Amino acid sequence: MISLFFCQDFHIRHMEDKLKIIHSAKDEVQQMNSQQACVISELQTKNNSMSMNVDNLKRQIETLQQVAIAIYFIAIFIWKTLETFLHIIIYVFLYCNGM
């Protein structure tokens, strides 16, 4: 009888130890899951921030491209104006020298 009681008691303690290990493992997994959720949230926030930065950079590039095109056409206008002015000076010079 004592032997049966001892076996049952041993079995109960063994099962309680297993239950403690399982609870401990469950708590550990829940903690890791919580930490991973925090990391995912931080990464999503960084991703959103980086996406906004990329959008801002794209707009700045578009603006710079428009400015570059405007400068190109202004340079052509200035070049043509100087070219015309130079022709006028040559014609005036030639006219004044009787040619």
PDB file of N, CA and C in Angstrom:
ATOM      1  N   MET A   1       0.824  -1.190   0.000  1.00  0.00           N
ATOM      2  CA  MET A   1       0.000   0.000   0.000  1.00  0.00           C
ATOM      3  C   MET A   1       0.870   1.256   0.000  1.00  0.00           C
ATOM      4  N   ILE A   2       1.919   1.207   0.839  1.00  0.00           N
ATOM      5  CA  ILE A   2       2.826   2.342   0.895  1.00  0.00           C
ATOM      6  C   ILE A   2       3.528   2.493  -0.446  1.00  0.00           C
ATOM      7  N   SER A   3       3.842   1.404  -1.036  1.00  0.00           N
ATOM      8  CA  SER A   3       4.504   1.429  -2.327  1.00  0.00           C
ATOM      9  C   SER A   3       3.620   2.064  -3.385  1.00  0.00           C
ATOM     10  N   LEU A   4       2.331   1.740  -3.365  1.00  0.00           N
ATOM     11  CA  LEU A   4       1.389   2.324  -4.319  1.00  0.00           C
ATOM     12  C   LEU A   4       1.249   3.822  -4.073  1.00  0.00           C
ATOM     13  N   PHE A   5       1.162   4.186  -2.790  1.00  0.00           N
ATOM     14  CA  PHE A   5       1.069   5.602  -2.430  1.00  0.00           C
ATOM     15  C   PHE A   5       2.322   6.346  -2.870  1.00  0.00           C
ATOM     16  N   PHE A   6       3.471   5.747  -2.645  1.00  0.00           N
ATOM     17  CA  PHE A   6       4.741   6.343  -3.045  1.00  0.00           C
ATOM     18  C   PHE A   6       4.805   6.524  -4.558  1.00  0.00           C
ATOM     19  N   CYS A   7       4.361   5.547  -5.301  1.00  0.00           N
ATOM     20  CA  CYS A   7       4.363   5.639  -6.761  1.00  0.00           C
ATOM     21  C   CYS A   7       3.435   6.724  -7.250  1.00  0.00           C
ATOM     22  N   GLN A   8       2.248   6.792  -6.627  1.00  0.00           N
ATOM     23  CA  GLN A   8       1.307   7.837  -7.035  1.00  0.00           C
ATOM     24  C   GLN A   8       1.856   9.216  -6.677  1.00  0.00           C
ATOM     25  N   ASP A   9       2.422   9.331  -5.512  1.00  0.00           N
ATOM     26  CA  ASP A   9       3.002  10.605  -5.074  1.00  0.00           C
ATOM     27  C   ASP A   9       4.159  11.009  -5.992  1.00  0.00           C
ATOM     28  N   PHE A  10       4.990  10.056  -6.324  1.00  0.00           N
ATOM     29  CA  PHE A  10       6.096  10.322  -7.238  1.00  0.00           C
ATOM     30  C   PHE A  10       5.574  10.749  -8.606  1.00  0.00           C
ATOM     31  N   HIS A  11       4.559  10.056  -9.069  1.00  0.00           N
ATOM     32  CA  HIS A  11       3.974  10.384 -10.372  1.00  0.00           C
ATOM     33  C   HIS A  11       3.359  11.791 -10.351  1.00  0.00           C
ATOM     34  N   ILE A  12       2.678  12.126  -9.275  1.00  0.00           N
ATOM     35  CA  ILE A  12       2.064  13.459  -9.156  1.00  0.00           C
ATOM     36  C   ILE A  12       3.147  14.527  -9.150  1.00  0.00           C
ATOM     37  N   ARG A  13       4.219  14.310  -8.380  1.00  0.00           N
ATOM     38  CA  ARG A  13       5.322  15.293  -8.337  1.00  0.00           C
ATOM     39  C   ARG A  13       5.980  15.416  -9.713  1.00  0.00           C
ATOM     40  N   HIS A  14       6.148  14.304 -10.353  1.00  0.00           N
ATOM     41  CA  HIS A  14       6.745  14.311 -11.688  1.00  0.00           C
ATOM     42  C   HIS A  14       5.866  15.107 -12.668  1.00  0.00           C
ATOM     43  N   MET A  15       4.560  14.886 -12.585  1.00  0.00           N
ATOM     44  CA  MET A  15       3.634  15.613 -13.473  1.00  0.00           C
ATOM     45  C   MET A  15       3.594  17.102 -13.114  1.00  0.00           C
ATOM     46  N   GLU A  16       3.684  17.414 -11.826  1.00  0.00           N
ATOM     47  CA  GLU A  16       3.719  18.821 -11.409  1.00  0.00           C
ATOM     48  C   GLU A  16       4.988  19.495 -11.927  1.00  0.00           C
ATOM     49  N   ASP A  17       6.112  18.796 -11.872  1.00  0.00           N
ATOM     50  CA  ASP A  17       7.363  19.337 -12.406  1.00  0.00           C
ATOM     51  C   ASP A  17       7.255  19.589 -13.911  1.00  0.00           C
ATOM     52  N   LYS A  18       6.660  18.630 -14.596  1.00  0.00           N
ATOM     53  CA  LYS A  18       6.455  18.821 -16.037  1.00  0.00           C
ATOM     54  C   LYS A  18       5.552  20.016 -16.301  1.00  0.00           C
ATOM     55  N   LEU A  19       4.500  20.169 -15.490  1.00  0.00           N
ATOM     56  CA  LEU A  19       3.576  21.286 -15.649  1.00  0.00           C
ATOM     57  C   LEU A  19       4.294  22.615 -15.405  1.00  0.00           C
ATOM     58  N   LYS A  20       5.169  22.650 -14.395  1.00  0.00           N
ATOM     59  CA  LYS A  20       5.950  23.864 -14.133  1.00  0.00           C
ATOM     60  C   LYS A  20       6.851  24.200 -15.325  1.00  0.00           C
ATOM     61  N   ILE A  21       7.486  23.166 -15.876  1.00  0.00           N
ATOM     62  CA  ILE A  21       8.357  23.379 -17.036  1.00  0.00           C
ATOM     63  C   ILE A  21       7.546  23.905 -18.217  1.00  0.00           C
ATOM     64  N   ILE A  22       6.372  23.332 -18.418  1.00  0.00           N
ATOM     65  CA  ILE A  22       5.517  23.772 -19.530  1.00  0.00           C
ATOM     66  C   ILE A  22       5.074  25.214 -19.320  1.00  0.00           C
ATOM     67  N   HIS A  23       4.660  25.569 -18.089  1.00  0.00           N
ATOM     68  CA  HIS A  23       4.262  26.955 -17.789  1.00  0.00           C
ATOM     69  C   HIS A  23       5.433  27.920 -17.988  1.00  0.00           C
ATOM     70  N   SER A  24       6.598  27.486 -17.545  1.00  0.00           N
ATOM     71  CA  SER A  24       7.792  28.315 -17.712  1.00  0.00           C
ATOM     72  C   SER A  24       8.099  28.523 -19.194  1.00  0.00           C
ATOM     73  N   ALA A  25       8.015  27.460 -19.958  1.00  0.00           N
ATOM     74  CA  ALA A  25       8.267  27.568 -21.397  1.00  0.00           C
ATOM     75  C   ALA A  25       7.215  28.449 -22.063  1.00  0.00           C
ATOM     76  N   LYS A  26       5.956  28.290 -21.637  1.00  0.00           N
ATOM     77  CA  LYS A  26       4.874  29.115 -22.187  1.00  0.00           C
ATOM     78  C   LYS A  26       5.126  30.594 -21.896  1.00  0.00           C
ATOM     79  N   ASP A  27       5.512  30.899 -20.642  1.00  0.00           N
ATOM     80  CA  ASP A  27       5.806  32.288 -20.272  1.00  0.00           C
ATOM     81  C   ASP A  27       6.969  32.843 -21.104  1.00  0.00           C
ATOM     82  N   GLU A  28       7.972  32.016 -21.295  1.00  0.00           N
ATOM     83  CA  GLU A  28       9.136  32.425 -22.090  1.00  0.00           C
ATOM     84  C   GLU A  28       8.736  32.712 -23.538  1.00  0.00           C
ATOM     85  N   VAL A  29       7.912  31.844 -24.091  1.00  0.00           N
ATOM     86  CA  VAL A  29       7.446  32.036 -25.463  1.00  0.00           C
ATOM     87  C   VAL A  29       6.588  33.294 -25.567  1.00  0.00           C
ATOM     88  N   GLN A  30       5.733  33.519 -24.586  1.00  0.00           N
ATOM     89  CA  GLN A  30       4.898  34.723 -24.601  1.00  0.00           C
ATOM     90  C   GLN A  30       5.753  35.982 -24.518  1.00  0.00           C
ATOM     91  N   GLN A  31       6.801  35.941 -23.703  1.00  0.00           N
ATOM     92  CA  GLN A  31       7.698  37.086 -23.584  1.00  0.00           C
ATOM     93  C   GLN A  31       8.430  37.338 -24.904  1.00  0.00           C
ATOM     94  N   MET A  32       8.917  36.254 -25.516  1.00  0.00           N
ATOM     95  CA  MET A  32       9.596  36.403 -26.809  1.00  0.00           C
ATOM     96  C   MET A  32       8.626  36.926 -27.864  1.00  0.00           C
ATOM     97  N   ASN A  33       7.409  36.437 -27.838  1.00  0.00           N
ATOM     98  CA  ASN A  33       6.390  36.886 -28.781  1.00  0.00           C
ATOM     99  C   ASN A  33       6.116  38.380 -28.599  1.00  0.00           C
ATOM    100  N   SER A  34       6.039  38.804 -27.349  1.00  0.00           N
ATOM    101  CA  SER A  34       5.820  40.221 -27.054  1.00  0.00           C
ATOM    102  C   SER A  34       6.995  41.066 -27.555  1.00  0.00           C
ATOM    103  N   GLN A  35       8.220  40.574 -27.326  1.00  0.00           N
ATOM    104  CA  GLN A  35       9.402  41.299 -27.803  1.00  0.00           C
ATOM    105  C   GLN A  35       9.414  41.384 -29.326  1.00  0.00           C
ATOM    106  N   GLN A  36       9.053  40.287 -29.980  1.00  0.00           N
ATOM    107  CA  GLN A  36       9.016  40.286 -31.442  1.00  0.00           C
ATOM    108  C   GLN A  36       7.946  41.240 -31.959  1.00  0.00           C
ATOM    109  N   ALA A  37       6.817  41.306 -31.257  1.00  0.00           N
ATOM    110  CA  ALA A  37       5.757  42.245 -31.658  1.00  0.00           C
ATOM    111  C   ALA A  37       6.260  43.681 -31.551  1.00  0.00           C
ATOM    112  N   CYS A  38       7.032  43.976 -30.504  1.00  0.00           N
ATOM    113  CA  CYS A  38       7.609  45.322 -30.350  1.00  0.00           C
ATOM    114  C   CYS A  38       8.593  45.617 -31.485  1.00  0.00           C
ATOM    115  N   VAL A  39       9.424  44.646 -31.807  1.00  0.00           N
ATOM    116  CA  VAL A  39      10.407  44.832 -32.886  1.00  0.00           C
ATOM    117  C   VAL A  39       9.686  45.043 -34.208  1.00  0.00           C
ATOM    118  N   ILE A  40       8.649  44.262 -34.458  1.00  0.00           N
ATOM    119  CA  ILE A  40       7.880  44.417 -35.699  1.00  0.00           C
ATOM    120  C   ILE A  40       7.247  45.791 -35.760  1.00  0.00           C
ATOM    121  N   SER A  41       6.694  46.242 -34.651  1.00  0.00           N
ATOM    122  CA  SER A  41       6.081  47.574 -34.609  1.00  0.00           C
ATOM    123  C   SER A  41       7.116  48.662 -34.897  1.00  0.00           C
ATOM    124  N   GLU A  42       8.298  48.535 -34.291  1.00  0.00           N
ATOM    125  CA  GLU A  42       9.370  49.511 -34.536  1.00  0.00           C
ATOM    126  C   GLU A  42       9.796  49.496 -36.001  1.00  0.00           C
ATOM    127  N   LEU A  43       9.921  48.303 -36.572  1.00  0.00           N
ATOM    128  CA  LEU A  43      10.324  48.198 -37.975  1.00  0.00           C
ATOM    129  C   LEU A  43       9.267  48.771 -38.910  1.00  0.00           C
ATOM    130  N   GLN A  44       7.999  48.574 -38.575  1.00  0.00           N
ATOM    131  CA  GLN A  44       6.932  49.154 -39.395  1.00  0.00           C
ATOM    132  C   GLN A  44       6.973  50.676 -39.326  1.00  0.00           C
ATOM    133  N   THR A  45       7.243  51.206 -38.137  1.00  0.00           N
ATOM    134  CA  THR A  45       7.357  52.658 -37.983  1.00  0.00           C
ATOM    135  C   THR A  45       8.532  53.193 -38.805  1.00  0.00           C
ATOM    136  N   LYS A  46       9.670  52.497 -38.737  1.00  0.00           N
ATOM    137  CA  LYS A  46      10.841  52.911 -39.524  1.00  0.00           C
ATOM    138  C   LYS A  46      10.548  52.807 -41.015  1.00  0.00           C
ATOM    139  N   ASN A  47       9.857  51.749 -41.410  1.00  0.00           N
ATOM    140  CA  ASN A  47       9.508  51.562 -42.822  1.00  0.00           C
ATOM    141  C   ASN A  47       8.624  52.706 -43.304  1.00  0.00           C
ATOM    142  N   ASN A  48       7.628  53.074 -42.501  1.00  0.00           N
ATOM    143  CA  ASN A  48       6.751  54.179 -42.880  1.00  0.00           C
ATOM    144  C   ASN A  48       7.535  55.481 -42.993  1.00  0.00           C
ATOM    145  N   SER A  49       8.430  55.698 -42.050  1.00  0.00           N
ATOM    146  CA  SER A  49       9.252  56.902 -42.073  1.00  0.00           C
ATOM    147  C   SER A  49      10.144  56.927 -43.311  1.00  0.00           C
ATOM    148  N   MET A  50      10.762  55.779 -43.623  1.00  0.00           N
ATOM    149  CA  MET A  50      11.639  55.709 -44.788  1.00  0.00           C
ATOM    150  C   MET A  50      10.837  55.893 -46.085  1.00  0.00           C
ATOM    151  N   SER A  51       9.625  55.371 -46.118  1.00  0.00           N
ATOM    152  CA  SER A  51       8.778  55.544 -47.301  1.00  0.00           C
ATOM    153  C   SER A  51       8.460  57.018 -47.506  1.00  0.00           C
ATOM    154  N   MET A  52       8.187  57.723 -46.405  1.00  0.00           N
ATOM    155  CA  MET A  52       7.922  59.159 -46.523  1.00  0.00           C
ATOM    156  C   MET A  52       9.176  59.888 -46.987  1.00  0.00           C
ATOM    157  N   ASN A  53      10.343  59.486 -46.481  1.00  0.00           N
ATOM    158  CA  ASN A  53      11.595  60.101 -46.912  1.00  0.00           C
ATOM    159  C   ASN A  53      11.837  59.861 -48.394  1.00  0.00           C
ATOM    160  N   VAL A  54      11.556  58.650 -48.868  1.00  0.00           N
ATOM    161  CA  VAL A  54      11.728  58.332 -50.283  1.00  0.00           C
ATOM    162  C   VAL A  54      10.793  59.193 -51.134  1.00  0.00           C
ATOM    163  N   ASP A  55       9.541  59.339 -50.682  1.00  0.00           N
ATOM    164  CA  ASP A  55       8.592  60.185 -51.416  1.00  0.00           C
ATOM    165  C   ASP A  55       9.076  61.630 -51.473  1.00  0.00           C
ATOM    166  N   ASN A  56       9.595  62.132 -50.352  1.00  0.00           N
ATOM    167  CA  ASN A  56      10.128  63.500 -50.328  1.00  0.00           C
ATOM    168  C   ASN A  56      11.310  63.640 -51.278  1.00  0.00           C
ATOM    169  N   LEU A  57      12.190  62.645 -51.285  1.00  0.00           N
ATOM    170  CA  LEU A  57      13.350  62.695 -52.183  1.00  0.00           C
ATOM    171  C   LEU A  57      12.916  62.642 -53.650  1.00  0.00           C
ATOM    172  N   LYS A  58      11.889  61.855 -53.954  1.00  0.00           N
ATOM    173  CA  LYS A  58      11.383  61.799 -55.329  1.00  0.00           C
ATOM    174  C   LYS A  58      10.844  63.166 -55.749  1.00  0.00           C
ATOM    175  N   ARG A  59      10.112  63.818 -54.844  1.00  0.00           N
ATOM    176  CA  ARG A  59       9.593  65.163 -55.166  1.00  0.00           C
ATOM    177  C   ARG A  59      10.732  66.156 -55.371  1.00  0.00           C
ATOM    178  N   GLN A  60      11.765  66.052 -54.534  1.00  0.00           N
ATOM    179  CA  GLN A  60      12.909  66.952 -54.678  1.00  0.00           C
ATOM    180  C   GLN A  60      13.625  66.700 -55.999  1.00  0.00           C
ATOM    181  N   ILE A  61      13.755  65.439 -56.391  1.00  0.00           N
ATOM    182  CA  ILE A  61      14.388  65.116 -57.671  1.00  0.00           C
ATOM    183  C   ILE A  61      13.577  65.697 -58.813  1.00  0.00           C
ATOM    184  N   GLU A  62      12.250  65.543 -58.749  1.00  0.00           N
ATOM    185  CA  GLU A  62      11.394  66.106 -59.802  1.00  0.00           C
ATOM    186  C   GLU A  62      11.551  67.620 -59.880  1.00  0.00           C
ATOM    187  N   THR A  63      11.608  68.268 -58.721  1.00  0.00           N
ATOM    188  CA  THR A  63      11.790  69.721 -58.691  1.00  0.00           C
ATOM    189  C   THR A  63      13.136  70.101 -59.288  1.00  0.00           C
ATOM    190  N   LEU A  64      14.188  69.377 -58.914  1.00  0.00           N
ATOM    191  CA  LEU A  64      15.521  69.671 -59.447  1.00  0.00           C
ATOM    192  C   LEU A  64      15.579  69.447 -60.960  1.00  0.00           C
ATOM    193  N   GLN A  65      14.875  68.420 -61.437  1.00  0.00           N
ATOM    194  CA  GLN A  65      14.834  68.181 -62.881  1.00  0.00           C
ATOM    195  C   GLN A  65      14.145  69.344 -63.592  1.00  0.00           C
ATOM    196  N   GLN A  66      13.047  69.845 -63.004  1.00  0.00           N
ATOM    197  CA  GLN A  66      12.352  70.988 -63.601  1.00  0.00           C
ATOM    198  C   GLN A  66      13.233  72.232 -63.588  1.00  0.00           C
ATOM    199  N   VAL A  67      13.964  72.422 -62.496  1.00  0.00           N
ATOM    200  CA  VAL A  67      14.873  73.569 -62.402  1.00  0.00           C
ATOM    201  C   VAL A  67      15.990  73.435 -63.438  1.00  0.00           C
ATOM    202  N   ALA A  68      16.520  72.234 -63.598  1.00  0.00           N
ATOM    203  CA  ALA A  68      17.588  72.005 -64.576  1.00  0.00           C
ATOM    204  C   ALA A  68      17.097  72.305 -65.986  1.00  0.00           C
ATOM    205  N   ILE A  69      15.884  71.893 -66.295  1.00  0.00           N
ATOM    206  CA  ILE A  69      15.317  72.174 -67.622  1.00  0.00           C
ATOM    207  C   ILE A  69      15.142  73.673 -67.807  1.00  0.00           C
ATOM    208  N   ALA A  70      14.645  74.351 -66.779  1.00  0.00           N
ATOM    209  CA  ALA A  70      14.467  75.803 -66.854  1.00  0.00           C
ATOM    210  C   ALA A  70      15.815  76.497 -67.054  1.00  0.00           C
ATOM    211  N   ILE A  71      16.835  76.071 -66.332  1.00  0.00           N
ATOM    212  CA  ILE A  71      18.171  76.669 -66.482  1.00  0.00           C
ATOM    213  C   ILE A  71      18.709  76.420 -67.887  1.00  0.00           C
ATOM    214  N   TYR A  72      18.461  75.235 -68.418  1.00  0.00           N
ATOM    215  CA  TYR A  72      18.901  74.921 -69.777  1.00  0.00           C
ATOM    216  C   TYR A  72      18.282  75.894 -70.780  1.00  0.00           C
ATOM    217  N   PHE A  73      16.978  76.106 -70.678  1.00  0.00           N
ATOM    218  CA  PHE A  73      16.317  77.008 -71.619  1.00  0.00           C
ATOM    219  C   PHE A  73      16.728  78.458 -71.401  1.00  0.00           C
ATOM    220  N   ILE A  74      16.984  78.843 -70.160  1.00  0.00           N
ATOM    221  CA  ILE A  74      17.487  80.195 -69.893  1.00  0.00           C
ATOM    222  C   ILE A  74      18.867  80.363 -70.507  1.00  0.00           C
ATOM    223  N   ALA A  75      19.714  79.328 -70.376  1.00  0.00           N
ATOM    224  CA  ALA A  75      21.059  79.398 -70.961  1.00  0.00           C
ATOM    225  C   ALA A  75      20.971  79.531 -72.485  1.00  0.00           C
ATOM    226  N   ILE A  76      20.069  78.789 -73.120  1.00  0.00           N
ATOM    227  CA  ILE A  76      19.888  78.902 -74.573  1.00  0.00           C
ATOM    228  C   ILE A  76      19.428  80.310 -74.929  1.00  0.00           C
ATOM    229  N   PHE A  77      18.482  80.843 -74.148  1.00  0.00           N
ATOM    230  CA  PHE A  77      17.991  82.197 -74.409  1.00  0.00           C
ATOM    231  C   PHE A  77      19.126  83.212 -74.293  1.00  0.00           C
ATOM    232  N   ILE A  78      19.925  83.079 -73.223  1.00  0.00           N
ATOM    233  CA  ILE A  78      21.050  84.011 -73.042  1.00  0.00           C
ATOM    234  C   ILE A  78      22.044  83.862 -74.188  1.00  0.00           C
ATOM    235  N   TRP A  79      22.345  82.628 -74.571  1.00  0.00           N
ATOM    236  CA  TRP A  79      23.269  82.392 -75.674  1.00  0.00           C
ATOM    237  C   TRP A  79      22.766  83.034 -76.956  1.00  0.00           C
ATOM    238  N   LYS A  80      21.492  82.838 -77.274  1.00  0.00           N
ATOM    239  CA  LYS A  80      20.915  83.416 -78.495  1.00  0.00           C
ATOM    240  C   LYS A  80      20.895  84.944 -78.426  1.00  0.00           C
ATOM    241  N   THR A  81      20.616  85.471 -77.237  1.00  0.00           N
ATOM    242  CA  THR A  81      20.622  86.924 -77.067  1.00  0.00           C
ATOM    243  C   THR A  81      22.021  87.475 -77.276  1.00  0.00           C
ATOM    244  N   LEU A  82      23.017  86.818 -76.686  1.00  0.00           N
ATOM    245  CA  LEU A  82      24.396  87.269 -76.864  1.00  0.00           C
ATOM    246  C   LEU A  82      24.830  87.143 -78.325  1.00  0.00           C
ATOM    247  N   GLU A  83      24.410  86.074 -78.960  1.00  0.00           N
ATOM    248  CA  GLU A  83      24.737  85.865 -80.366  1.00  0.00           C
ATOM    249  C   GLU A  83      24.133  86.982 -81.227  1.00  0.00           C
ATOM    250  N   THR A  84      22.882  87.318 -80.956  1.00  0.00           N
ATOM    251  CA  THR A  84      22.224  88.402 -81.693  1.00  0.00           C
ATOM    252  C   THR A  84      22.920  89.732 -81.413  1.00  0.00           C
ATOM    253  N   PHE A  85      23.228  89.984 -80.148  1.00  0.00           N
ATOM    254  CA  PHE A  85      23.901  91.220 -79.770  1.00  0.00           C
ATOM    255  C   PHE A  85      25.262  91.313 -80.465  1.00  0.00           C
ATOM    256  N   LEU A  86      25.988  90.193 -80.536  1.00  0.00           N
ATOM    257  CA  LEU A  86      27.282  90.166 -81.213  1.00  0.00           C
ATOM    258  C   LEU A  86      27.118  90.466 -82.703  1.00  0.00           C
ATOM    259  N   HIS A  87      26.084  89.928 -83.345  1.00  0.00           N
ATOM    260  CA  HIS A  87      25.825  90.224 -84.762  1.00  0.00           C
ATOM    261  C   HIS A  87      25.540  91.701 -84.969  1.00  0.00           C
ATOM    262  N   ILE A  88      24.779  92.266 -84.042  1.00  0.00           N
ATOM    263  CA  ILE A  88      24.480  93.701 -84.151  1.00  0.00           C
ATOM    264  C   ILE A  88      25.762  94.511 -84.038  1.00  0.00           C
ATOM    265  N   ILE A  89      26.613  94.147 -83.091  1.00  0.00           N
ATOM    266  CA  ILE A  89      27.884  94.872 -82.917  1.00  0.00           C
ATOM    267  C   ILE A  89      28.729  94.740 -84.181  1.00  0.00           C
ATOM    268  N   ILE A  90      28.777  93.534 -84.759  1.00  0.00           N
ATOM    269  CA  ILE A  90      29.564  93.337 -85.997  1.00  0.00           C
ATOM    270  C   ILE A  90      28.993  94.182 -87.123  1.00  0.00           C
ATOM    271  N   TYR A  91      27.670  94.183 -87.282  1.00  0.00           N
ATOM    272  CA  TYR A  91      27.054  94.978 -88.350  1.00  0.00           C
ATOM    273  C   TYR A  91      27.309  96.462 -88.155  1.00  0.00           C
ATOM    274  N   VAL A  92      27.202  96.920 -86.893  1.00  0.00           N
ATOM    275  CA  VAL A  92      27.458  98.341 -86.624  1.00  0.00           C
ATOM    276  C   VAL A  92      28.923  98.666 -86.912  1.00  0.00           C
ATOM    277  N   PHE A  93      29.813  97.810 -86.494  1.00  0.00           N
ATOM    278  CA  PHE A  93      31.237  98.018 -86.740  1.00  0.00           C
ATOM    279  C   PHE A  93      31.522  98.083 -88.251  1.00  0.00           C
ATOM    280  N   LEU A  94      30.944  97.116 -88.990  1.00  0.00           N
ATOM    281  CA  LEU A  94      31.152  97.094 -90.424  1.00  0.00           C
ATOM    282  C   LEU A  94      30.529  98.324 -91.086  1.00  0.00           C
ATOM    283  N   TYR A  95      29.350  98.742 -90.619  1.00  0.00           N
ATOM    284  CA  TYR A  95      28.676  99.904 -91.201  1.00  0.00           C
ATOM    285  C   TYR A  95      29.495 101.165 -90.934  1.00  0.00           C
ATOM    286  N   CYS A  96      30.029 101.283 -89.716  1.00  0.00           N
ATOM    287  CA  CYS A  96      30.799 102.469 -89.368  1.00  0.00           C
ATOM    288  C   CYS A  96      32.124 102.522 -90.131  1.00  0.00           C
ATOM    289  N   ASN A  97      32.643 101.409 -90.516  1.00  0.00           N
ATOM    290  CA  ASN A  97      33.911 101.360 -91.231  1.00  0.00           C
ATOM    291  C   ASN A  97      33.694 101.348 -92.739  1.00  0.00           C
ATOM    292  N   GLY A  98      32.446 101.539 -93.165  1.00  0.00           N
ATOM    293  CA  GLY A  98      32.146 101.670 -94.582  1.00  0.00           C
ATOM    294  C   GLY A  98      32.152 100.396 -95.345  1.00  0.00           C
ATOM    295  N   MET A  99      31.950  99.320 -94.734  1.00  0.00           N
ATOM    296  CA  MET A  99      31.948  98.067 -95.489  1.00  0.00           C
ATOM    297  C   MET A  99      30.583  97.654 -95.758  1.00  0.00           C
TER     298      MET A  99
END
